[in-house]
Every structure is written in C-alpha cells, then in structure tokens.
Amino acid sequence: MTEPGDWVIVENPCFYGALQALERLKLKALSIATDVREGIDLNALEQALNEYPVKACWLMTNSQNPLGFTLTADKKAQLVALLTKHNVTLIEDDVYSELYFGREKPLPAKAWDRQDMTLHCSSFSKCLVAGFRIGWVAAGNMRAAFNTCS
C-alpha cells in the first residue's frame, strides 16, 4: 500500500501517535484542515488529492481524537467516494466507536465502501481492558498483504 517517501493524509489536528507511526515508516504526512463540528474539509482533501501522489488517508471518522467529532453518514459516503475516485486507501482508525453514548452507534465509513478500499481498524483496548492493547483490521481484499506481515 505504501513505501517509504509516500504521502499519507491525516487530519489536522490528529492523534499524535499517527504522526509518530508515519515518521517511523518514513512516510510523509499531509495534514488537511479539520473542523471541530464538521470534521475533515472534503474540498481541501480533494485539492490535496489532485496536487499530491497520495497513497493512503488515515482518519478517525467516529469520535475523532483530539476533537471528538463524528462524521455524518452523508459525509462518510462522500469521503469514501472521493478516495475511491482517486484510488486512495482509507485507513479508518475506529478505536473510539465503542465508547459512543448516543442512541444508535454510527456506522464506520467502511459501510459505504463498495470497492474494498478501506482498512477498518479498531481495538478492544478502549472498551474492555486498556493494558491488553489488542486490535484488529478488517482488511478485505488487502488481507493477503497483511498475512505476509504477520
């Protein structure tokens, strides 16, 4: 999916651990403006996708850290369509969705992905036992690539 030197889109601000991981992998972070209520600016995202050879987009669509917003279903659908159009993999960091206290837990952006371009990542660390640090990835057609890494 990525090689050292590739561009990966992140939210601004984003979880500091994402930036540390990208740095360790020698990937270039491209930050996109993010609103505390509306989430990532899709116009700015589209502009970046047109200007840079982006390989992946690492976002928190539900209960984003540090701002706390959750993208609307419509915005998630638009996000997935935009990334699919540009052949960019979405790395959906969904570790906080189990902590949602509303009536109906929001769906991940993966629910709108018909081309299998989303890696839906989550963890049991936030909702069950923090010390265990157990996570998972729903990799879809990218599963073979993950099998070679394990």
Foldseek 3Di string as FASTA:
>chain_A
DDAAAAEEEEEVVADVVVVVVCVVRNYHYDYAYADLEAGGDVVSVLVCLVVGVHAEYEYAQALGPPSGYHHDLVVLLVVLVSCVVSVHAYEHEHACQVVDDDDDRDDHSVVNHPPQRYWDKYACLVPPNVVVGGIDTPRVPCVVVVVVVD
